Amino acid sequence: MSQMNNNYILLIILGMAIVTYVPRVLPLVIFSKNDMSDNVKTFLKYIPITIFSALITKDIFFSGNNLDISINNIKILAAIFVSVIAYKYKSIGLSILTGVISIYLLGVIL
């Protein structure tokens, strides 16, 4: 019984690895053989920031399932601080540090 469970778990892990790996490698294989137009390259350049924005927007502006755009929402205030620092210094590390510190301090103050 134990050997069957181990084989089953191993097959599940292998299947998950394949399902995760194929979508990441397939576009590289397809697009590496073809030269992309400048319009496609420009479009693809904006995908990472778009995905990042979509991921953080819900966390900043929503509390549970409710929209929270009040002055008491410390995440909005922290996001403003981080945006200013990121724009001025263009440093990911400094931006992350600013975010962590501002969330902590605003949580203590408010």
PDB file of N, CA and C in Angstrom:
ATOM      1  N   MET A   1       0.831  -1.200   0.000  1.00  0.00           N
ATOM      2  CA  MET A   1       0.000   0.000   0.000  1.00  0.00           C
ATOM      3  C   MET A   1       0.868   1.255   0.000  1.00  0.00           C
ATOM      4  N   SER A   2       1.916   1.278   0.804  1.00  0.00           N
ATOM      5  CA  SER A   2       2.786   2.437   0.897  1.00  0.00           C
ATOM      6  C   SER A   2       3.520   2.690  -0.424  1.00  0.00           C
ATOM      7  N   GLN A   3       3.961   1.611  -1.081  1.00  0.00           N
ATOM      8  CA  GLN A   3       4.662   1.754  -2.362  1.00  0.00           C
ATOM      9  C   GLN A   3       3.730   2.332  -3.425  1.00  0.00           C
ATOM     10  N   MET A   4       2.453   1.925  -3.407  1.00  0.00           N
ATOM     11  CA  MET A   4       1.501   2.449  -4.376  1.00  0.00           C
ATOM     12  C   MET A   4       1.279   3.949  -4.151  1.00  0.00           C
ATOM     13  N   ASN A   5       1.177   4.364  -2.917  1.00  0.00           N
ATOM     14  CA  ASN A   5       1.006   5.782  -2.609  1.00  0.00           C
ATOM     15  C   ASN A   5       2.216   6.602  -3.052  1.00  0.00           C
ATOM     16  N   ASN A   6       3.419   6.057  -2.835  1.00  0.00           N
ATOM     17  CA  ASN A   6       4.628   6.763  -3.250  1.00  0.00           C
ATOM     18  C   ASN A   6       4.687   6.907  -4.767  1.00  0.00           C
ATOM     19  N   ASN A   7       4.333   5.848  -5.495  1.00  0.00           N
ATOM     20  CA  ASN A   7       4.317   5.922  -6.958  1.00  0.00           C
ATOM     21  C   ASN A   7       3.264   6.920  -7.440  1.00  0.00           C
ATOM     22  N   TYR A   8       2.125   6.912  -6.810  1.00  0.00           N
ATOM     23  CA  TYR A   8       1.039   7.824  -7.173  1.00  0.00           C
ATOM     24  C   TYR A   8       1.479   9.278  -6.947  1.00  0.00           C
ATOM     25  N   ILE A   9       2.084   9.538  -5.811  1.00  0.00           N
ATOM     26  CA  ILE A   9       2.552  10.884  -5.494  1.00  0.00           C
ATOM     27  C   ILE A   9       3.641  11.307  -6.479  1.00  0.00           C
ATOM     28  N   LEU A  10       4.556  10.391  -6.806  1.00  0.00           N
ATOM     29  CA  LEU A  10       5.611  10.687  -7.757  1.00  0.00           C
ATOM     30  C   LEU A  10       5.030  11.019  -9.138  1.00  0.00           C
ATOM     31  N   LEU A  11       4.024  10.285  -9.578  1.00  0.00           N
ATOM     32  CA  LEU A  11       3.372  10.564 -10.863  1.00  0.00           C
ATOM     33  C   LEU A  11       2.657  11.912 -10.842  1.00  0.00           C
ATOM     34  N   ILE A  12       2.026  12.230  -9.741  1.00  0.00           N
ATOM     35  CA  ILE A  12       1.358  13.528  -9.621  1.00  0.00           C
ATOM     36  C   ILE A  12       2.382  14.661  -9.712  1.00  0.00           C
ATOM     37  N   ILE A  13       3.494  14.539  -8.999  1.00  0.00           N
ATOM     38  CA  ILE A  13       4.540  15.565  -9.038  1.00  0.00           C
ATOM     39  C   ILE A  13       5.113  15.687 -10.445  1.00  0.00           C
ATOM     40  N   LEU A  14       5.362  14.575 -11.103  1.00  0.00           N
ATOM     41  CA  LEU A  14       5.876  14.592 -12.467  1.00  0.00           C
ATOM     42  C   LEU A  14       4.882  15.258 -13.424  1.00  0.00           C
ATOM     43  N   GLY A  15       3.616  14.921 -13.284  1.00  0.00           N
ATOM     44  CA  GLY A  15       2.577  15.532 -14.117  1.00  0.00           C
ATOM     45  C   GLY A  15       2.482  17.028 -13.892  1.00  0.00           C
ATOM     46  N   MET A  16       2.560  17.451 -12.647  1.00  0.00           N
ATOM     47  CA  MET A  16       2.509  18.881 -12.343  1.00  0.00           C
ATOM     48  C   MET A  16       3.731  19.606 -12.903  1.00  0.00           C
ATOM     49  N   ALA A  17       4.874  18.970 -12.860  1.00  0.00           N
ATOM     50  CA  ALA A  17       6.086  19.574 -13.413  1.00  0.00           C
ATOM     51  C   ALA A  17       5.950  19.765 -14.922  1.00  0.00           C
ATOM     52  N   ILE A  18       5.398  18.771 -15.605  1.00  0.00           N
ATOM     53  CA  ILE A  18       5.211  18.869 -17.057  1.00  0.00           C
ATOM     54  C   ILE A  18       4.208  19.964 -17.392  1.00  0.00           C
ATOM     55  N   VAL A  19       3.104  19.999 -16.664  1.00  0.00           N
ATOM     56  CA  VAL A  19       2.068  21.005 -16.927  1.00  0.00           C
ATOM     57  C   VAL A  19       2.589  22.417 -16.652  1.00  0.00           C
ATOM     58  N   THR A  20       3.500  22.558 -15.721  1.00  0.00           N
ATOM     59  CA  THR A  20       4.080  23.862 -15.419  1.00  0.00           C
ATOM     60  C   THR A  20       5.174  24.231 -16.424  1.00  0.00           C
ATOM     61  N   TYR A  21       5.952  23.269 -16.838  1.00  0.00           N
ATOM     62  CA  TYR A  21       7.096  23.516 -17.701  1.00  0.00           C
ATOM     63  C   TYR A  21       6.698  23.796 -19.151  1.00  0.00           C
ATOM     64  N   VAL A  22       5.768  23.043 -19.685  1.00  0.00           N
ATOM     65  CA  VAL A  22       5.401  23.152 -21.108  1.00  0.00           C
ATOM     66  C   VAL A  22       4.902  24.554 -21.479  1.00  0.00           C
ATOM     67  N   PRO A  23       3.975  25.177 -20.739  1.00  0.00           N
ATOM     68  CA  PRO A  23       3.533  26.514 -21.141  1.00  0.00           C
ATOM     69  C   PRO A  23       4.636  27.579 -21.070  1.00  0.00           C
ATOM     70  N   ARG A  24       5.656  27.340 -20.294  1.00  0.00           N
ATOM     71  CA  ARG A  24       6.754  28.306 -20.213  1.00  0.00           C
ATOM     72  C   ARG A  24       7.747  28.127 -21.360  1.00  0.00           C
ATOM     73  N   VAL A  25       7.966  26.912 -21.772  1.00  0.00           N
ATOM     74  CA  VAL A  25       8.961  26.637 -22.799  1.00  0.00           C
ATOM     75  C   VAL A  25       8.376  26.728 -24.203  1.00  0.00           C
ATOM     76  N   LEU A  26       7.139  26.357 -24.364  1.00  0.00           N
ATOM     77  CA  LEU A  26       6.523  26.326 -25.687  1.00  0.00           C
ATOM     78  C   LEU A  26       6.583  27.677 -26.408  1.00  0.00           C
ATOM     79  N   PRO A  27       6.231  28.800 -25.766  1.00  0.00           N
ATOM     80  CA  PRO A  27       6.364  30.076 -26.480  1.00  0.00           C
ATOM     81  C   PRO A  27       7.812  30.393 -26.878  1.00  0.00           C
ATOM     82  N   LEU A  28       8.760  30.031 -26.032  1.00  0.00           N
ATOM     83  CA  LEU A  28      10.161  30.266 -26.381  1.00  0.00           C
ATOM     84  C   LEU A  28      10.570  29.469 -27.611  1.00  0.00           C
ATOM     85  N   VAL A  29      10.116  28.245 -27.676  1.00  0.00           N
ATOM     86  CA  VAL A  29      10.449  27.402 -28.819  1.00  0.00           C
ATOM     87  C   VAL A  29       9.794  27.936 -30.088  1.00  0.00           C
ATOM     88  N   ILE A  30       8.546  28.349 -29.978  1.00  0.00           N
ATOM     89  CA  ILE A  30       7.815  28.845 -31.156  1.00  0.00           C
ATOM     90  C   ILE A  30       8.393  30.167 -31.640  1.00  0.00           C
ATOM     91  N   PHE A  31       8.600  31.120 -30.721  1.00  0.00           N
ATOM     92  CA  PHE A  31       9.020  32.455 -31.120  1.00  0.00           C
ATOM     93  C   PHE A  31      10.512  32.573 -31.394  1.00  0.00           C
ATOM     94  N   SER A  32      11.318  31.628 -30.951  1.00  0.00           N
ATOM     95  CA  SER A  32      12.751  31.724 -31.205  1.00  0.00           C
ATOM     96  C   SER A  32      13.082  31.469 -32.664  1.00  0.00           C
ATOM     97  N   LYS A  33      12.232  30.740 -33.371  1.00  0.00           N
ATOM     98  CA  LYS A  33      12.484  30.437 -34.779  1.00  0.00           C
ATOM     99  C   LYS A  33      11.965  31.533 -35.702  1.00  0.00           C
ATOM    100  N   ASN A  34      11.025  32.336 -35.230  1.00  0.00           N
ATOM    101  CA  ASN A  34      10.433  33.380 -36.050  1.00  0.00           C
ATOM    102  C   ASN A  34      10.845  34.743 -35.522  1.00  0.00           C
ATOM    103  N   ASP A  35      11.141  35.649 -36.433  1.00  0.00           N
ATOM    104  CA  ASP A  35      11.462  37.013 -36.032  1.00  0.00           C
ATOM    105  C   ASP A  35      10.157  37.763 -35.822  1.00  0.00           C
ATOM    106  N   MET A  36       9.994  38.367 -34.653  1.00  0.00           N
ATOM    107  CA  MET A  36       8.763  39.072 -34.332  1.00  0.00           C
ATOM    108  C   MET A  36       8.810  40.490 -34.879  1.00  0.00           C
ATOM    109  N   SER A  37       7.647  40.993 -35.232  1.00  0.00           N
ATOM    110  CA  SER A  37       7.570  42.365 -35.708  1.00  0.00           C
ATOM    111  C   SER A  37       7.766  43.326 -34.536  1.00  0.00           C
ATOM    112  N   ASP A  38       8.044  44.572 -34.851  1.00  0.00           N
ATOM    113  CA  ASP A  38       8.242  45.574 -33.804  1.00  0.00           C
ATOM    114  C   ASP A  38       6.964  45.799 -32.998  1.00  0.00           C
ATOM    115  N   ASN A  39       5.800  45.685 -33.640  1.00  0.00           N
ATOM    116  CA  ASN A  39       4.533  45.854 -32.927  1.00  0.00           C
ATOM    117  C   ASN A  39       4.340  44.762 -31.880  1.00  0.00           C
ATOM    118  N   VAL A  40       4.684  43.536 -32.213  1.00  0.00           N
ATOM    119  CA  VAL A  40       4.552  42.425 -31.263  1.00  0.00           C
ATOM    120  C   VAL A  40       5.541  42.603 -30.116  1.00  0.00           C
ATOM    121  N   LYS A  41       6.765  43.021 -30.434  1.00  0.00           N
ATOM    122  CA  LYS A  41       7.764  43.243 -29.386  1.00  0.00           C
ATOM    123  C   LYS A  41       7.321  44.348 -28.430  1.00  0.00           C
ATOM    124  N   THR A  42       6.751  45.407 -28.975  1.00  0.00           N
ATOM    125  CA  THR A  42       6.253  46.502 -28.132  1.00  0.00           C
ATOM    126  C   THR A  42       5.121  46.016 -27.244  1.00  0.00           C
ATOM    127  N   PHE A  43       4.210  45.239 -27.816  1.00  0.00           N
ATOM    128  CA  PHE A  43       3.091  44.688 -27.049  1.00  0.00           C
ATOM    129  C   PHE A  43       3.592  43.791 -25.919  1.00  0.00           C
ATOM    130  N   LEU A  44       4.520  42.907 -26.215  1.00  0.00           N
ATOM    131  CA  LEU A  44       5.028  41.969 -25.214  1.00  0.00           C
ATOM    132  C   LEU A  44       5.812  42.669 -24.114  1.00  0.00           C
ATOM    133  N   LYS A  45       6.372  43.834 -24.416  1.00  0.00           N
ATOM    134  CA  LYS A  45       7.138  44.579 -23.412  1.00  0.00           C
ATOM    135  C   LYS A  45       6.253  45.029 -22.248  1.00  0.00           C
ATOM    136  N   TYR A  46       4.964  45.268 -22.510  1.00  0.00           N
ATOM    137  CA  TYR A  46       4.064  45.781 -21.473  1.00  0.00           C
ATOM    138  C   TYR A  46       3.340  44.694 -20.686  1.00  0.00           C
ATOM    139  N   ILE A  47       3.484  43.456 -21.055  1.00  0.00           N
ATOM    140  CA  ILE A  47       2.772  42.376 -20.367  1.00  0.00           C
ATOM    141  C   ILE A  47       3.198  42.224 -18.905  1.00  0.00           C
ATOM    142  N   PRO A  48       4.486  42.209 -18.559  1.00  0.00           N
ATOM    143  CA  PRO A  48       4.847  42.034 -17.143  1.00  0.00           C
ATOM    144  C   PRO A  48       4.265  43.106 -16.220  1.00  0.00           C
ATOM    145  N   ILE A  49       4.323  44.375 -16.612  1.00  0.00           N
ATOM    146  CA  ILE A  49       3.799  45.433 -15.740  1.00  0.00           C
ATOM    147  C   ILE A  49       2.283  45.350 -15.648  1.00  0.00           C
ATOM    148  N   THR A  50       1.640  44.913 -16.721  1.00  0.00           N
ATOM    149  CA  THR A  50       0.188  44.764 -16.699  1.00  0.00           C
ATOM    150  C   THR A  50      -0.226  43.659 -15.734  1.00  0.00           C
ATOM    151  N   ILE A  51       0.456  42.543 -15.785  1.00  0.00           N
ATOM    152  CA  ILE A  51       0.138  41.435 -14.883  1.00  0.00           C
ATOM    153  C   ILE A  51       0.419  41.831 -13.436  1.00  0.00           C
ATOM    154  N   PHE A  52       1.541  42.492 -13.203  1.00  0.00           N
ATOM    155  CA  PHE A  52       1.878  42.941 -11.849  1.00  0.00           C
ATOM    156  C   PHE A  52       0.817  43.898 -11.318  1.00  0.00           C
ATOM    157  N   SER A  53       0.392  44.827 -12.156  1.00  0.00           N
ATOM    158  CA  SER A  53      -0.642  45.784 -11.738  1.00  0.00           C
ATOM    159  C   SER A  53      -1.938  45.081 -11.382  1.00  0.00           C
ATOM    160  N   ALA A  54      -2.324  44.117 -12.178  1.00  0.00           N
ATOM    161  CA  ALA A  54      -3.552  43.377 -11.900  1.00  0.00           C
ATOM    162  C   ALA A  54      -3.452  42.603 -10.581  1.00  0.00           C
ATOM    163  N   LEU A  55      -2.288  42.075 -10.298  1.00  0.00           N
ATOM    164  CA  LEU A  55      -2.116  41.302  -9.062  1.00  0.00           C
ATOM    165  C   LEU A  55      -2.168  42.179  -7.816  1.00  0.00           C
ATOM    166  N   ILE A  56      -1.558  43.359  -7.854  1.00  0.00           N
ATOM    167  CA  ILE A  56      -1.511  44.166  -6.641  1.00  0.00           C
ATOM    168  C   ILE A  56      -2.737  45.049  -6.445  1.00  0.00           C
ATOM    169  N   THR A  57      -3.458  45.356  -7.523  1.00  0.00           N
ATOM    170  CA  THR A  57      -4.605  46.257  -7.407  1.00  0.00           C
ATOM    171  C   THR A  57      -5.661  45.721  -6.453  1.00  0.00           C
ATOM    172  N   LYS A  58      -5.981  44.445  -6.567  1.00  0.00           N
ATOM    173  CA  LYS A  58      -7.003  43.874  -5.691  1.00  0.00           C
ATOM    174  C   LYS A  58      -6.558  43.918  -4.233  1.00  0.00           C
ATOM    175  N   ASP A  59      -5.293  43.651  -3.992  1.00  0.00           N
ATOM    176  CA  ASP A  59      -4.819  43.661  -2.606  1.00  0.00           C
ATOM    177  C   ASP A  59      -4.821  45.064  -2.018  1.00  0.00           C
ATOM    178  N   ILE A  60      -4.521  46.062  -2.819  1.00  0.00           N
ATOM    179  CA  ILE A  60      -4.455  47.429  -2.297  1.00  0.00           C
ATOM    180  C   ILE A  60      -5.841  48.014  -2.071  1.00  0.00           C
ATOM    181  N   PHE A  61      -6.732  47.883  -3.038  1.00  0.00           N
ATOM    182  CA  PHE A  61      -7.995  48.606  -3.011  1.00  0.00           C
ATOM    183  C   PHE A  61      -9.175  47.827  -2.445  1.00  0.00           C
ATOM    184  N   PHE A  62      -8.996  46.546  -2.163  1.00  0.00           N
ATOM    185  CA  PHE A  62     -10.107  45.750  -1.642  1.00  0.00           C
ATOM    186  C   PHE A  62      -9.771  45.179  -0.281  1.00  0.00           C
ATOM    187  N   SER A  63     -10.762  45.195   0.591  1.00  0.00           N
ATOM    188  CA  SER A  63     -10.664  44.542   1.887  1.00  0.00           C
ATOM    189  C   SER A  63     -11.727  43.449   1.886  1.00  0.00           C
ATOM    190  N   GLY A  64     -11.300  42.207   1.748  1.00  0.00           N
ATOM    191  CA  GLY A  64     -12.256  41.129   1.526  1.00  0.00           C
ATOM    192  C   GLY A  64     -12.835  41.290   0.137  1.00  0.00           C
ATOM    193  N   ASN A  65     -14.151  41.363   0.034  1.00  0.00           N
ATOM    194  CA  ASN A  65     -14.804  41.601  -1.252  1.00  0.00           C
ATOM    195  C   ASN A  65     -15.311  43.028  -1.391  1.00  0.00           C
ATOM    196  N   ASN A  66     -14.949  43.888  -0.462  1.00  0.00           N
ATOM    197  CA  ASN A  66     -15.439  45.265  -0.461  1.00  0.00           C
ATOM    198  C   ASN A  66     -14.361  46.244  -0.899  1.00  0.00           C
ATOM    199  N   LEU A  67     -14.754  47.187  -1.752  1.00  0.00           N
ATOM    200  CA  LEU A  67     -13.850  48.241  -2.188  1.00  0.00           C
ATOM    201  C   LEU A  67     -13.577  49.175  -1.011  1.00  0.00           C
ATOM    202  N   ASP A  68     -12.303  49.442  -0.748  1.00  0.00           N
ATOM    203  CA  ASP A  68     -11.922  50.301   0.376  1.00  0.00           C
ATOM    204  C   ASP A  68     -10.951  51.363  -0.126  1.00  0.00           C
ATOM    205  N   ILE A  69     -11.486  52.542  -0.461  1.00  0.00           N
ATOM    206  CA  ILE A  69     -10.638  53.638  -0.938  1.00  0.00           C
ATOM    207  C   ILE A  69     -10.623  54.791   0.067  1.00  0.00           C
ATOM    208  N   SER A  70     -10.802  54.455   1.320  1.00  0.00           N
ATOM    209  CA  SER A  70     -10.820  55.481   2.365  1.00  0.00           C
ATOM    210  C   SER A  70      -9.396  55.853   2.775  1.00  0.00           C
ATOM    211  N   ILE A  71      -9.279  56.941   3.489  1.00  0.00           N
ATOM    212  CA  ILE A  71      -7.983  57.408   3.980  1.00  0.00           C
ATOM    213  C   ILE A  71      -7.433  56.461   5.051  1.00  0.00           C
ATOM    214  N   ASN A  72      -8.285  55.641   5.634  1.00  0.00           N
ATOM    215  CA  ASN A  72      -7.857  54.681   6.655  1.00  0.00           C
ATOM    216  C   ASN A  72      -7.249  53.416   6.069  1.00  0.00           C
ATOM    217  N   ASN A  73      -7.281  53.272   4.754  1.00  0.00           N
ATOM    218  CA  ASN A  73      -6.682  52.108   4.105  1.00  0.00           C
ATOM    219  C   ASN A  73      -5.178  52.334   4.010  1.00  0.00           C
ATOM    220  N   ILE A  74      -4.442  51.689   4.911  1.00  0.00           N
ATOM    221  CA  ILE A  74      -2.999  51.914   4.969  1.00  0.00           C
ATOM    222  C   ILE A  74      -2.286  51.396   3.724  1.00  0.00           C
ATOM    223  N   LYS A  75      -2.894  50.458   3.024  1.00  0.00           N
ATOM    224  CA  LYS A  75      -2.247  49.930   1.818  1.00  0.00           C
ATOM    225  C   LYS A  75      -2.184  50.981   0.713  1.00  0.00           C
ATOM    226  N   ILE A  76      -3.198  51.827   0.628  1.00  0.00           N
ATOM    227  CA  ILE A  76      -3.170  52.901  -0.376  1.00  0.00           C
ATOM    228  C   ILE A  76      -2.075  53.908  -0.035  1.00  0.00           C
ATOM    229  N   LEU A  77      -1.990  54.269   1.229  1.00  0.00           N
ATOM    230  CA  LEU A  77      -0.944  55.211   1.644  1.00  0.00           C
ATOM    231  C   LEU A  77       0.450  54.633   1.406  1.00  0.00           C
ATOM    232  N   ALA A  78       0.619  53.365   1.740  1.00  0.00           N
ATOM    233  CA  ALA A  78       1.914  52.714   1.512  1.00  0.00           C
ATOM    234  C   ALA A  78       2.224  52.640   0.023  1.00  0.00           C
ATOM    235  N   ALA A  79       1.212  52.368  -0.797  1.00  0.00           N
ATOM    236  CA  ALA A  79       1.422  52.306  -2.244  1.00  0.00           C
ATOM    237  C   ALA A  79       1.847  53.664  -2.798  1.00  0.00           C
ATOM    238  N   ILE A  80       1.310  54.728  -2.242  1.00  0.00           N
ATOM    239  CA  ILE A  80       1.714  56.072  -2.670  1.00  0.00           C
ATOM    240  C   ILE A  80       3.181  56.316  -2.310  1.00  0.00           C
ATOM    241  N   PHE A  81       3.571  55.967  -1.087  1.00  0.00           N
ATOM    242  CA  PHE A  81       4.969  56.117  -0.674  1.00  0.00           C
ATOM    243  C   PHE A  81       5.904  55.317  -1.589  1.00  0.00           C
ATOM    244  N   VAL A  82       5.534  54.069  -1.833  1.00  0.00           N
ATOM    245  CA  VAL A  82       6.362  53.198  -2.664  1.00  0.00           C
ATOM    246  C   VAL A  82       6.453  53.732  -4.088  1.00  0.00           C
ATOM    247  N   SER A  83       5.344  54.236  -4.618  1.00  0.00           N
ATOM    248  CA  SER A  83       5.351  54.777  -5.981  1.00  0.00           C
ATOM    249  C   SER A  83       6.291  55.963  -6.102  1.00  0.00           C
ATOM    250  N   VAL A  84       6.274  56.831  -5.116  1.00  0.00           N
ATOM    251  CA  VAL A  84       7.165  58.002  -5.140  1.00  0.00           C
ATOM    252  C   VAL A  84       8.626  57.555  -5.086  1.00  0.00           C
ATOM    253  N   ILE A  85       8.933  56.635  -4.182  1.00  0.00           N
ATOM    254  CA  ILE A  85      10.313  56.144  -4.050  1.00  0.00           C
ATOM    255  C   ILE A  85      10.747  55.412  -5.322  1.00  0.00           C
ATOM    256  N   ALA A  86       9.870  54.581  -5.861  1.00  0.00           N
ATOM    257  CA  ALA A  86      10.207  53.835  -7.074  1.00  0.00           C
ATOM    258  C   ALA A  86      10.451  54.775  -8.247  1.00  0.00           C
ATOM    259  N   TYR A  87       9.642  55.802  -8.366  1.00  0.00           N
ATOM    260  CA  TYR A  87       9.812  56.762  -9.460  1.00  0.00           C
ATOM    261  C   TYR A  87      11.102  57.560  -9.298  1.00  0.00           C
ATOM    262  N   LYS A  88      11.368  57.982  -8.079  1.00  0.00           N
ATOM    263  CA  LYS A  88      12.531  58.839  -7.847  1.00  0.00           C
ATOM    264  C   LYS A  88      13.851  58.071  -7.933  1.00  0.00           C
ATOM    265  N   TYR A  89      13.920  56.894  -7.286  1.00  0.00           N
ATOM    266  CA  TYR A  89      15.189  56.180  -7.190  1.00  0.00           C
ATOM    267  C   TYR A  89      15.322  54.997  -8.143  1.00  0.00           C
ATOM    268  N   LYS A  90      14.209  54.505  -8.699  1.00  0.00           N
ATOM    269  CA  LYS A  90      14.214  53.385  -9.643  1.00  0.00           C
ATOM    270  C   LYS A  90      14.982  52.176  -9.095  1.00  0.00           C
ATOM    271  N   SER A  91      14.705  51.874  -7.829  1.00  0.00           N
ATOM    272  CA  SER A  91      15.372  50.768  -7.135  1.00  0.00           C
ATOM    273  C   SER A  91      14.316  49.811  -6.583  1.00  0.00           C
ATOM    274  N   ILE A  92      14.367  48.574  -7.027  1.00  0.00           N
ATOM    275  CA  ILE A  92      13.398  47.579  -6.547  1.00  0.00           C
ATOM    276  C   ILE A  92      13.604  47.310  -5.064  1.00  0.00           C
ATOM    277  N   GLY A  93      14.852  47.150  -4.659  1.00  0.00           N
ATOM    278  CA  GLY A  93      15.138  46.868  -3.249  1.00  0.00           C
ATOM    279  C   GLY A  93      14.659  47.972  -2.332  1.00  0.00           C
ATOM    280  N   LEU A  94      14.938  49.206  -2.708  1.00  0.00           N
ATOM    281  CA  LEU A  94      14.511  50.348  -1.901  1.00  0.00           C
ATOM    282  C   LEU A  94      12.984  50.453  -1.885  1.00  0.00           C
ATOM    283  N   SER A  95      12.362  50.143  -3.003  1.00  0.00           N
ATOM    284  CA  SER A  95      10.898  50.180  -3.070  1.00  0.00           C
ATOM    285  C   SER A  95      10.278  49.130  -2.151  1.00  0.00           C
ATOM    286  N   ILE A  96      10.825  47.935  -2.163  1.00  0.00           N
ATOM    287  CA  ILE A  96      10.307  46.869  -1.296  1.00  0.00           C
ATOM    288  C   ILE A  96      10.506  47.247   0.168  1.00  0.00           C
ATOM    289  N   LEU A  97      11.683  47.740   0.489  1.00  0.00           N
ATOM    290  CA  LEU A  97      11.965  48.162   1.864  1.00  0.00           C
ATOM    291  C   LEU A  97      11.013  49.272   2.297  1.00  0.00           C
ATOM    292  N   THR A  98      10.768  50.229   1.420  1.00  0.00           N
ATOM    293  CA  THR A  98       9.825  51.310   1.722  1.00  0.00           C
ATOM    294  C   THR A  98       8.431  50.760   1.968  1.00  0.00           C
ATOM    295  N   GLY A  99       8.016  49.810   1.154  1.00  0.00           N
ATOM    296  CA  GLY A  99       6.691  49.213   1.325  1.00  0.00           C
ATOM    297  C   GLY A  99       6.549  48.494   2.655  1.00  0.00           C
ATOM    298  N   VAL A 100       7.536  47.700   2.995  1.00  0.00           N
ATOM    299  CA  VAL A 100       7.478  46.941   4.256  1.00  0.00           C
ATOM    300  C   VAL A 100       7.468  47.888   5.452  1.00  0.00           C
ATOM    301  N   ILE A 101       8.363  48.858   5.438  1.00  0.00           N
ATOM    302  CA  ILE A 101       8.447  49.798   6.562  1.00  0.00           C
ATOM    303  C   ILE A 101       7.182  50.650   6.659  1.00  0.00           C
ATOM    304  N   SER A 102       6.678  51.123   5.524  1.00  0.00           N
ATOM    305  CA  SER A 102       5.486  51.978   5.581  1.00  0.00           C
ATOM    306  C   SER A 102       4.251  51.200   6.032  1.00  0.00           C
ATOM    307  N   ILE A 103       4.103  49.958   5.607  1.00  0.00           N
ATOM    308  CA  ILE A 103       2.968  49.148   6.085  1.00  0.00           C
ATOM    309  C   ILE A 103       3.067  48.957   7.592  1.00  0.00           C
ATOM    310  N   TYR A 104       4.267  48.664   8.079  1.00  0.00           N
ATOM    311  CA  TYR A 104       4.464  48.465   9.514  1.00  0.00           C
ATOM    312  C   TYR A 104       4.145  49.747  10.288  1.00  0.00           C
ATOM    313  N   LEU A 105       4.780  50.847   9.889  1.00  0.00           N
ATOM    314  CA  LEU A 105       4.604  52.099  10.623  1.00  0.00           C
ATOM    315  C   LEU A 105       3.154  52.612  10.548  1.00  0.00           C
ATOM    316  N   LEU A 106       2.545  52.521   9.380  1.00  0.00           N
ATOM    317  CA  LEU A 106       1.149  52.966   9.273  1.00  0.00           C
ATOM    318  C   LEU A 106       0.215  52.075  10.094  1.00  0.00           C
ATOM    319  N   GLY A 107       0.542  50.796  10.173  1.00  0.00           N
ATOM    320  CA  GLY A 107      -0.245  49.887  11.002  1.00  0.00           C
ATOM    321  C   GLY A 107      -0.145  50.225  12.479  1.00  0.00           C
ATOM    322  N   VAL A 108       1.041  50.654  12.898  1.00  0.00           N
ATOM    323  CA  VAL A 108       1.254  51.044  14.300  1.00  0.00           C
ATOM    324  C   VAL A 108       0.579  52.384  14.589  1.00  0.00           C
ATOM    325  N   ILE A 109       0.746  53.338  13.672  1.00  0.00           N
ATOM    326  CA  ILE A 109       0.194  54.686  13.871  1.00  0.00           C
ATOM    327  C   ILE A 109      -1.322  54.702  13.754  1.00  0.00           C
ATOM    328  N   LEU A 110      -1.837  54.104  12.687  1.00  0.00           N
ATOM    329  CA  LEU A 110      -3.275  54.121  12.477  1.00  0.00           C
ATOM    330  C   LEU A 110      -3.858  52.878  13.074  1.00  0.00           C
TER     331      LEU A 110
END
